[in-house]
Amino acid sequence: MEQVFTTVSSKGQLVIPIAIREAMGIEPGTRVAVRIEGAELILRPQTQDATRQVIEKLCGSTAGGFSMSDELIADRRAEDAKAGW
């Protein structure tokens, strides 16, 4: 998408152009997260689709890694063995 310009109002409000709202699924009432990264202002809509993308990105990110459950079970079994259970 090409760069689009908008102006901040005297109340600090910013109008997001319709083409961007439609592309990002932003509707009236959509919450938007705002943060600064270096010299850039980042706006991230908190739509269901955006939330789903974050969840999908994280799914499986810990698969095959260290399991606290397995470690805890092993510790309990070792304690039981020491106690003669």
PDB file of N, CA and C in Angstrom:
ATOM      1  N   MET A   1       0.851  -1.174   0.000  1.00  0.00           N
ATOM      2  CA  MET A   1       0.000   0.000   0.000  1.00  0.00           C
ATOM      3  C   MET A   1       0.898   1.239   0.000  1.00  0.00           C
ATOM      4  N   GLU A   2       0.514   2.212  -0.761  1.00  0.00           N
ATOM      5  CA  GLU A   2       1.313   3.438  -0.841  1.00  0.00           C
ATOM      6  C   GLU A   2       1.162   4.271   0.423  1.00  0.00           C
ATOM      7  N   GLN A   3       2.092   5.145   0.648  1.00  0.00           N
ATOM      8  CA  GLN A   3       2.086   6.020   1.822  1.00  0.00           C
ATOM      9  C   GLN A   3       0.940   7.013   1.716  1.00  0.00           C
ATOM     10  N   VAL A   4       0.229   7.214   2.823  1.00  0.00           N
ATOM     11  CA  VAL A   4      -0.904   8.129   2.876  1.00  0.00           C
ATOM     12  C   VAL A   4      -0.652   9.107   4.015  1.00  0.00           C
ATOM     13  N   PHE A   5      -1.052  10.354   3.833  1.00  0.00           N
ATOM     14  CA  PHE A   5      -0.838  11.370   4.859  1.00  0.00           C
ATOM     15  C   PHE A   5      -2.157  11.777   5.498  1.00  0.00           C
ATOM     16  N   THR A   6      -2.096  12.095   6.778  1.00  0.00           N
ATOM     17  CA  THR A   6      -3.238  12.585   7.527  1.00  0.00           C
ATOM     18  C   THR A   6      -2.710  13.627   8.508  1.00  0.00           C
ATOM     19  N   THR A   7      -3.590  14.373   9.145  1.00  0.00           N
ATOM     20  CA  THR A   7      -3.178  15.459  10.038  1.00  0.00           C
ATOM     21  C   THR A   7      -3.756  15.243  11.434  1.00  0.00           C
ATOM     22  N   VAL A   8      -2.969  15.540  12.432  1.00  0.00           N
ATOM     23  CA  VAL A   8      -3.423  15.449  13.819  1.00  0.00           C
ATOM     24  C   VAL A   8      -4.235  16.699  14.137  1.00  0.00           C
ATOM     25  N   SER A   9      -5.414  16.507  14.748  1.00  0.00           N
ATOM     26  CA  SER A   9      -6.274  17.643  15.086  1.00  0.00           C
ATOM     27  C   SER A   9      -5.757  18.364  16.325  1.00  0.00           C
ATOM     28  N   SER A  10      -6.369  19.505  16.640  1.00  0.00           N
ATOM     29  CA  SER A  10      -5.972  20.275  17.823  1.00  0.00           C
ATOM     30  C   SER A  10      -6.242  19.492  19.108  1.00  0.00           C
ATOM     31  N   LYS A  11      -7.116  18.488  19.060  1.00  0.00           N
ATOM     32  CA  LYS A  11      -7.405  17.637  20.214  1.00  0.00           C
ATOM     33  C   LYS A  11      -6.490  16.407  20.259  1.00  0.00           C
ATOM     34  N   GLY A  12      -5.549  16.316  19.328  1.00  0.00           N
ATOM     35  CA  GLY A  12      -4.632  15.173  19.291  1.00  0.00           C
ATOM     36  C   GLY A  12      -5.211  13.964  18.589  1.00  0.00           C
ATOM     37  N   GLN A  13      -6.321  14.138  17.890  1.00  0.00           N
ATOM     38  CA  GLN A  13      -6.959  13.028  17.193  1.00  0.00           C
ATOM     39  C   GLN A  13      -6.358  12.843  15.803  1.00  0.00           C
ATOM     40  N   LEU A  14      -6.370  11.606  15.359  1.00  0.00           N
ATOM     41  CA  LEU A  14      -5.800  11.252  14.068  1.00  0.00           C
ATOM     42  C   LEU A  14      -6.832  10.456  13.287  1.00  0.00           C
ATOM     43  N   VAL A  15      -7.112  10.853  12.067  1.00  0.00           N
ATOM     44  CA  VAL A  15      -8.052  10.120  11.222  1.00  0.00           C
ATOM     45  C   VAL A  15      -7.263   9.102  10.416  1.00  0.00           C
ATOM     46  N   ILE A  16      -7.676   7.838  10.539  1.00  0.00           N
ATOM     47  CA  ILE A  16      -7.039   6.775   9.754  1.00  0.00           C
ATOM     48  C   ILE A  16      -7.820   6.666   8.451  1.00  0.00           C
ATOM     49  N   PRO A  17      -7.156   6.862   7.309  1.00  0.00           N
ATOM     50  CA  PRO A  17      -7.855   6.826   6.022  1.00  0.00           C
ATOM     51  C   PRO A  17      -8.620   5.514   5.812  1.00  0.00           C
ATOM     52  N   ILE A  18      -9.732   5.597   5.107  1.00  0.00           N
ATOM     53  CA  ILE A  18     -10.620   4.450   4.916  1.00  0.00           C
ATOM     54  C   ILE A  18      -9.919   3.245   4.290  1.00  0.00           C
ATOM     55  N   ALA A  19      -9.038   3.474   3.332  1.00  0.00           N
ATOM     56  CA  ALA A  19      -8.351   2.354   2.684  1.00  0.00           C
ATOM     57  C   ALA A  19      -7.538   1.555   3.705  1.00  0.00           C
ATOM     58  N   ILE A  20      -6.917   2.242   4.645  1.00  0.00           N
ATOM     59  CA  ILE A  20      -6.123   1.570   5.676  1.00  0.00           C
ATOM     60  C   ILE A  20      -7.047   0.880   6.674  1.00  0.00           C
ATOM     61  N   ARG A  21      -8.134   1.548   7.067  1.00  0.00           N
ATOM     62  CA  ARG A  21      -9.090   0.929   7.997  1.00  0.00           C
ATOM     63  C   ARG A  21      -9.656  -0.359   7.410  1.00  0.00           C
ATOM     64  N   GLU A  22     -10.018  -0.316   6.147  1.00  0.00           N
ATOM     65  CA  GLU A  22     -10.575  -1.511   5.506  1.00  0.00           C
ATOM     66  C   GLU A  22      -9.535  -2.621   5.399  1.00  0.00           C
ATOM     67  N   ALA A  23      -8.315  -2.271   5.028  1.00  0.00           N
ATOM     68  CA  ALA A  23      -7.248  -3.270   4.880  1.00  0.00           C
ATOM     69  C   ALA A  23      -6.906  -3.930   6.212  1.00  0.00           C
ATOM     70  N   MET A  24      -7.021  -3.176   7.309  1.00  0.00           N
ATOM     71  CA  MET A  24      -6.645  -3.675   8.632  1.00  0.00           C
ATOM     72  C   MET A  24      -7.836  -4.182   9.447  1.00  0.00           C
ATOM     73  N   GLY A  25      -9.037  -4.073   8.900  1.00  0.00           N
ATOM     74  CA  GLY A  25     -10.227  -4.539   9.610  1.00  0.00           C
ATOM     75  C   GLY A  25     -10.605  -3.667  10.793  1.00  0.00           C
ATOM     76  N   ILE A  26     -10.273  -2.386  10.709  1.00  0.00           N
ATOM     77  CA  ILE A  26     -10.578  -1.458  11.793  1.00  0.00           C
ATOM     78  C   ILE A  26     -11.982  -0.903  11.593  1.00  0.00           C
ATOM     79  N   GLU A  27     -12.824  -1.123  12.606  1.00  0.00           N
ATOM     80  CA  GLU A  27     -14.197  -0.637  12.570  1.00  0.00           C
ATOM     81  C   GLU A  27     -14.402   0.297  13.762  1.00  0.00           C
ATOM     82  N   PRO A  28     -15.499   1.070  13.781  1.00  0.00           N
ATOM     83  CA  PRO A  28     -15.758   1.924  14.938  1.00  0.00           C
ATOM     84  C   PRO A  28     -15.731   1.096  16.228  1.00  0.00           C
ATOM     85  N   GLY A  29     -15.008   1.582  17.220  1.00  0.00           N
ATOM     86  CA  GLY A  29     -14.898   0.885  18.493  1.00  0.00           C
ATOM     87  C   GLY A  29     -13.692  -0.033  18.608  1.00  0.00           C
ATOM     88  N   THR A  30     -12.957  -0.228  17.509  1.00  0.00           N
ATOM     89  CA  THR A  30     -11.769  -1.084  17.555  1.00  0.00           C
ATOM     90  C   THR A  30     -10.701  -0.436  18.417  1.00  0.00           C
ATOM     91  N   ARG A  31     -10.156  -1.202  19.369  1.00  0.00           N
ATOM     92  CA  ARG A  31      -9.056  -0.698  20.189  1.00  0.00           C
ATOM     93  C   ARG A  31      -7.778  -0.749  19.358  1.00  0.00           C
ATOM     94  N   VAL A  32      -6.929   0.252  19.543  1.00  0.00           N
ATOM     95  CA  VAL A  32      -5.666   0.328  18.810  1.00  0.00           C
ATOM     96  C   VAL A  32      -4.534   0.521  19.817  1.00  0.00           C
ATOM     97  N   ALA A  33      -3.565  -0.375  19.796  1.00  0.00           N
ATOM     98  CA  ALA A  33      -2.390  -0.245  20.660  1.00  0.00           C
ATOM     99  C   ALA A  33      -1.432   0.733  19.991  1.00  0.00           C
ATOM    100  N   VAL A  34      -0.841   1.622  20.778  1.00  0.00           N
ATOM    101  CA  VAL A  34       0.060   2.649  20.260  1.00  0.00           C
ATOM    102  C   VAL A  34       1.375   2.562  21.023  1.00  0.00           C
ATOM    103  N   ARG A  35       2.495   2.532  20.280  1.00  0.00           N
ATOM    104  CA  ARG A  35       3.801   2.528  20.934  1.00  0.00           C
ATOM    105  C   ARG A  35       4.823   3.226  20.055  1.00  0.00           C
ATOM    106  N   ILE A  36       5.959   3.556  20.653  1.00  0.00           N
ATOM    107  CA  ILE A  36       7.045   4.213  19.930  1.00  0.00           C
ATOM    108  C   ILE A  36       8.169   3.203  19.745  1.00  0.00           C
ATOM    109  N   GLU A  37       8.689   3.120  18.543  1.00  0.00           N
ATOM    110  CA  GLU A  37       9.867   2.310  18.226  1.00  0.00           C
ATOM    111  C   GLU A  37      10.860   3.235  17.544  1.00  0.00           C
ATOM    112  N   GLY A  38      11.870   3.651  18.300  1.00  0.00           N
ATOM    113  CA  GLY A  38      12.830   4.605  17.751  1.00  0.00           C
ATOM    114  C   GLY A  38      12.126   5.905  17.421  1.00  0.00           C
ATOM    115  N   ALA A  39      12.189   6.294  16.147  1.00  0.00           N
ATOM    116  CA  ALA A  39      11.553   7.534  15.714  1.00  0.00           C
ATOM    117  C   ALA A  39      10.204   7.275  15.039  1.00  0.00           C
ATOM    118  N   GLU A  40       9.660   6.052  15.207  1.00  0.00           N
ATOM    119  CA  GLU A  40       8.396   5.709  14.565  1.00  0.00           C
ATOM    120  C   GLU A  40       7.285   5.504  15.575  1.00  0.00           C
ATOM    121  N   LEU A  41       6.087   5.870  15.180  1.00  0.00           N
ATOM    122  CA  LEU A  41       4.887   5.635  15.961  1.00  0.00           C
ATOM    123  C   LEU A  41       4.217   4.407  15.362  1.00  0.00           C
ATOM    124  N   ILE A  42       4.007   3.379  16.165  1.00  0.00           N
ATOM    125  CA  ILE A  42       3.419   2.131  15.683  1.00  0.00           C
ATOM    126  C   ILE A  42       1.999   2.021  16.208  1.00  0.00           C
ATOM    127  N   LEU A  43       1.043   1.820  15.298  1.00  0.00           N
ATOM    128  CA  LEU A  43      -0.361   1.612  15.647  1.00  0.00           C
ATOM    129  C   LEU A  43      -0.700   0.172  15.307  1.00  0.00           C
ATOM    130  N   ARG A  44      -1.226  -0.584  16.272  1.00  0.00           N
ATOM    131  CA  ARG A  44      -1.583  -1.978  16.023  1.00  0.00           C
ATOM    132  C   ARG A  44      -3.027  -2.202  16.454  1.00  0.00           C
ATOM    133  N   PRO A  45      -3.926  -2.442  15.473  1.00  0.00           N
ATOM    134  CA  PRO A  45      -5.327  -2.665  15.830  1.00  0.00           C
ATOM    135  C   PRO A  45      -5.481  -3.966  16.611  1.00  0.00           C
ATOM    136  N   GLN A  46      -6.351  -3.937  17.608  1.00  0.00           N
ATOM    137  CA  GLN A  46      -6.592  -5.112  18.434  1.00  0.00           C
ATOM    138  C   GLN A  46      -7.883  -5.794  17.975  1.00  0.00           C
ATOM    139  N   THR A  47      -7.905  -6.192  16.715  1.00  0.00           N
ATOM    140  CA  THR A  47      -9.065  -6.870  16.140  1.00  0.00           C
ATOM    141  C   THR A  47      -8.964  -8.358  16.433  1.00  0.00           C
ATOM    142  N   GLN A  48     -10.042  -9.079  16.261  1.00  0.00           N
ATOM    143  CA  GLN A  48     -10.018 -10.531  16.455  1.00  0.00           C
ATOM    144  C   GLN A  48      -9.022 -11.173  15.496  1.00  0.00           C
ATOM    145  N   ASP A  49      -8.974 -10.663  14.270  1.00  0.00           N
ATOM    146  CA  ASP A  49      -8.054 -11.214  13.283  1.00  0.00           C
ATOM    147  C   ASP A  49      -6.602 -10.985  13.709  1.00  0.00           C
ATOM    148  N   ALA A  50      -6.298  -9.799  14.214  1.00  0.00           N
ATOM    149  CA  ALA A  50      -4.938  -9.495  14.671  1.00  0.00           C
ATOM    150  C   ALA A  50      -4.573 -10.376  15.857  1.00  0.00           C
ATOM    151  N   THR A  51      -5.519 -10.563  16.775  1.00  0.00           N
ATOM    152  CA  THR A  51      -5.285 -11.416  17.939  1.00  0.00           C
ATOM    153  C   THR A  51      -5.053 -12.852  17.493  1.00  0.00           C
ATOM    154  N   ARG A  52      -5.837 -13.322  16.539  1.00  0.00           N
ATOM    155  CA  ARG A  52      -5.687 -14.684  16.013  1.00  0.00           C
ATOM    156  C   ARG A  52      -4.309 -14.865  15.385  1.00  0.00           C
ATOM    157  N   GLN A  53      -3.826 -13.851  14.665  1.00  0.00           N
ATOM    158  CA  GLN A  53      -2.509 -13.939  14.043  1.00  0.00           C
ATOM    159  C   GLN A  53      -1.408 -14.066  15.088  1.00  0.00           C
ATOM    160  N   VAL A  54      -1.525 -13.328  16.184  1.00  0.00           N
ATOM    161  CA  VAL A  54      -0.529 -13.406  17.256  1.00  0.00           C
ATOM    162  C   VAL A  54      -0.553 -14.799  17.880  1.00  0.00           C
ATOM    163  N   ILE A  55      -1.746 -15.325  18.132  1.00  0.00           N
ATOM    164  CA  ILE A  55      -1.872 -16.653  18.731  1.00  0.00           C
ATOM    165  C   ILE A  55      -1.286 -17.712  17.802  1.00  0.00           C
ATOM    166  N   GLU A  56      -1.600 -17.628  16.508  1.00  0.00           N
ATOM    167  CA  GLU A  56      -1.072 -18.588  15.547  1.00  0.00           C
ATOM    168  C   GLU A  56       0.449 -18.518  15.474  1.00  0.00           C
ATOM    169  N   LYS A  57       0.980 -17.309  15.595  1.00  0.00           N
ATOM    170  CA  LYS A  57       2.424 -17.123  15.563  1.00  0.00           C
ATOM    171  C   LYS A  57       3.093 -17.802  16.762  1.00  0.00           C
ATOM    172  N   LEU A  58       2.416 -17.764  17.920  1.00  0.00           N
ATOM    173  CA  LEU A  58       2.969 -18.335  19.139  1.00  0.00           C
ATOM    174  C   LEU A  58       2.736 -19.838  19.266  1.00  0.00           C
ATOM    175  N   CYS A  59       1.714 -20.361  18.586  1.00  0.00           N
ATOM    176  CA  CYS A  59       1.398 -21.786  18.699  1.00  0.00           C
ATOM    177  C   CYS A  59       2.606 -22.631  18.306  1.00  0.00           C
ATOM    178  N   GLY A  60       2.941 -23.554  19.172  1.00  0.00           N
ATOM    179  CA  GLY A  60       4.051 -24.461  18.892  1.00  0.00           C
ATOM    180  C   GLY A  60       5.415 -23.878  19.183  1.00  0.00           C
ATOM    181  N   SER A  61       5.464 -22.637  19.651  1.00  0.00           N
ATOM    182  CA  SER A  61       6.769 -22.009  19.867  1.00  0.00           C
ATOM    183  C   SER A  61       7.536 -22.650  21.019  1.00  0.00           C
ATOM    184  N   THR A  62       6.831 -23.370  21.888  1.00  0.00           N
ATOM    185  CA  THR A  62       7.528 -24.040  22.991  1.00  0.00           C
ATOM    186  C   THR A  62       7.539 -25.558  22.830  1.00  0.00           C
ATOM    187  N   ALA A  63       7.040 -26.046  21.717  1.00  0.00           N
ATOM    188  CA  ALA A  63       6.982 -27.490  21.492  1.00  0.00           C
ATOM    189  C   ALA A  63       8.380 -28.105  21.506  1.00  0.00           C
ATOM    190  N   GLY A  64       8.464 -29.245  22.166  1.00  0.00           N
ATOM    191  CA  GLY A  64       9.737 -29.970  22.193  1.00  0.00           C
ATOM    192  C   GLY A  64      10.749 -29.399  23.158  1.00  0.00           C
ATOM    193  N   GLY A  65      10.348 -28.383  23.877  1.00  0.00           N
ATOM    194  CA  GLY A  65      11.274 -27.764  24.816  1.00  0.00           C
ATOM    195  C   GLY A  65      11.196 -28.395  26.197  1.00  0.00           C
ATOM    196  N   PHE A  66      11.770 -27.746  27.149  1.00  0.00           N
ATOM    197  CA  PHE A  66      11.816 -28.183  28.535  1.00  0.00           C
ATOM    198  C   PHE A  66      10.407 -28.254  29.119  1.00  0.00           C
ATOM    199  N   SER A  67      10.101 -29.321  29.843  1.00  0.00           N
ATOM    200  CA  SER A  67       8.787 -29.487  30.453  1.00  0.00           C
ATOM    201  C   SER A  67       8.904 -29.444  31.968  1.00  0.00           C
ATOM    202  N   MET A  68       8.336 -28.426  32.579  1.00  0.00           N
ATOM    203  CA  MET A  68       8.331 -28.339  34.035  1.00  0.00           C
ATOM    204  C   MET A  68       7.536 -29.483  34.646  1.00  0.00           C
ATOM    205  N   SER A  69       6.481 -29.923  33.977  1.00  0.00           N
ATOM    206  CA  SER A  69       5.676 -31.034  34.489  1.00  0.00           C
ATOM    207  C   SER A  69       6.511 -32.300  34.592  1.00  0.00           C
ATOM    208  N   ASP A  70       7.242 -32.617  33.509  1.00  0.00           N
ATOM    209  CA  ASP A  70       8.092 -33.816  33.522  1.00  0.00           C
ATOM    210  C   ASP A  70       9.149 -33.724  34.619  1.00  0.00           C
ATOM    211  N   GLU A  71       9.726 -32.560  34.797  1.00  0.00           N
ATOM    212  CA  GLU A  71      10.742 -32.347  35.829  1.00  0.00           C
ATOM    213  C   GLU A  71      10.146 -32.533  37.224  1.00  0.00           C
ATOM    214  N   LEU A  72       8.958 -31.989  37.445  1.00  0.00           N
ATOM    215  CA  LEU A  72       8.290 -32.113  38.740  1.00  0.00           C
ATOM    216  C   LEU A  72       7.949 -33.566  39.048  1.00  0.00           C
ATOM    217  N   ILE A  73       7.423 -34.283  38.061  1.00  0.00           N
ATOM    218  CA  ILE A  73       7.092 -35.697  38.248  1.00  0.00           C
ATOM    219  C   ILE A  73       8.345 -36.502  38.580  1.00  0.00           C
ATOM    220  N   ALA A  74       9.434 -36.251  37.877  1.00  0.00           N
ATOM    221  CA  ALA A  74      10.697 -36.952  38.143  1.00  0.00           C
ATOM    222  C   ALA A  74      11.185 -36.659  39.557  1.00  0.00           C
ATOM    223  N   ASP A  75      11.089 -35.417  40.006  1.00  0.00           N
ATOM    224  CA  ASP A  75      11.489 -35.051  41.365  1.00  0.00           C
ATOM    225  C   ASP A  75      10.640 -35.792  42.401  1.00  0.00           C
ATOM    226  N   ARG A  76       9.327 -35.836  42.179  1.00  0.00           N
ATOM    227  CA  ARG A  76       8.431 -36.519  43.123  1.00  0.00           C
ATOM    228  C   ARG A  76       8.738 -38.015  43.181  1.00  0.00           C
ATOM    229  N   ARG A  77       8.997 -38.622  42.055  1.00  0.00           N
ATOM    230  CA  ARG A  77       9.330 -40.051  42.030  1.00  0.00           C
ATOM    231  C   ARG A  77      10.639 -40.318  42.767  1.00  0.00           C
ATOM    232  N   ALA A  78      11.613 -39.421  42.595  1.00  0.00           N
ATOM    233  CA  ALA A  78      12.892 -39.576  43.281  1.00  0.00           C
ATOM    234  C   ALA A  78      12.688 -39.442  44.793  1.00  0.00           C
ATOM    235  N   GLU A  79      11.866 -38.500  45.217  1.00  0.00           N
ATOM    236  CA  GLU A  79      11.573 -38.336  46.641  1.00  0.00           C
ATOM    237  C   GLU A  79      10.853 -39.577  47.194  1.00  0.00           C
ATOM    238  N   ASP A  80       9.882 -40.103  46.421  1.00  0.00           N
ATOM    239  CA  ASP A  80       9.170 -41.315  46.851  1.00  0.00           C
ATOM    240  C   ASP A  80      10.135 -42.493  46.981  1.00  0.00           C
ATOM    241  N   ALA A  81      11.063 -42.614  46.059  1.00  0.00           N
ATOM    242  CA  ALA A  81      12.028 -43.719  46.104  1.00  0.00           C
ATOM    243  C   ALA A  81      12.910 -43.611  47.327  1.00  0.00           C
ATOM    244  N   LYS A  82      13.336 -42.394  47.670  1.00  0.00           N
ATOM    245  CA  LYS A  82      14.168 -42.180  48.865  1.00  0.00           C
ATOM    246  C   LYS A  82      13.387 -42.522  50.131  1.00  0.00           C
ATOM    247  N   ALA A  83      12.090 -42.217  50.111  1.00  0.00           N
ATOM    248  CA  ALA A  83      11.249 -42.462  51.291  1.00  0.00           C
ATOM    249  C   ALA A  83      10.811 -43.926  51.369  1.00  0.00           C
ATOM    250  N   GLY A  84      11.100 -44.713  50.343  1.00  0.00           N
ATOM    251  CA  GLY A  84      10.740 -46.129  50.340  1.00  0.00           C
ATOM    252  C   GLY A  84       9.321 -46.415  49.912  1.00  0.00           C
ATOM    253  N   TRP A  85       8.701 -45.515  49.204  1.00  0.00           N
ATOM    254  CA  TRP A  85       7.325 -45.716  48.746  1.00  0.00           C
ATOM    255  C   TRP A  85       7.315 -46.609  47.565  1.00  0.00           C
TER     256      TRP A  85
END
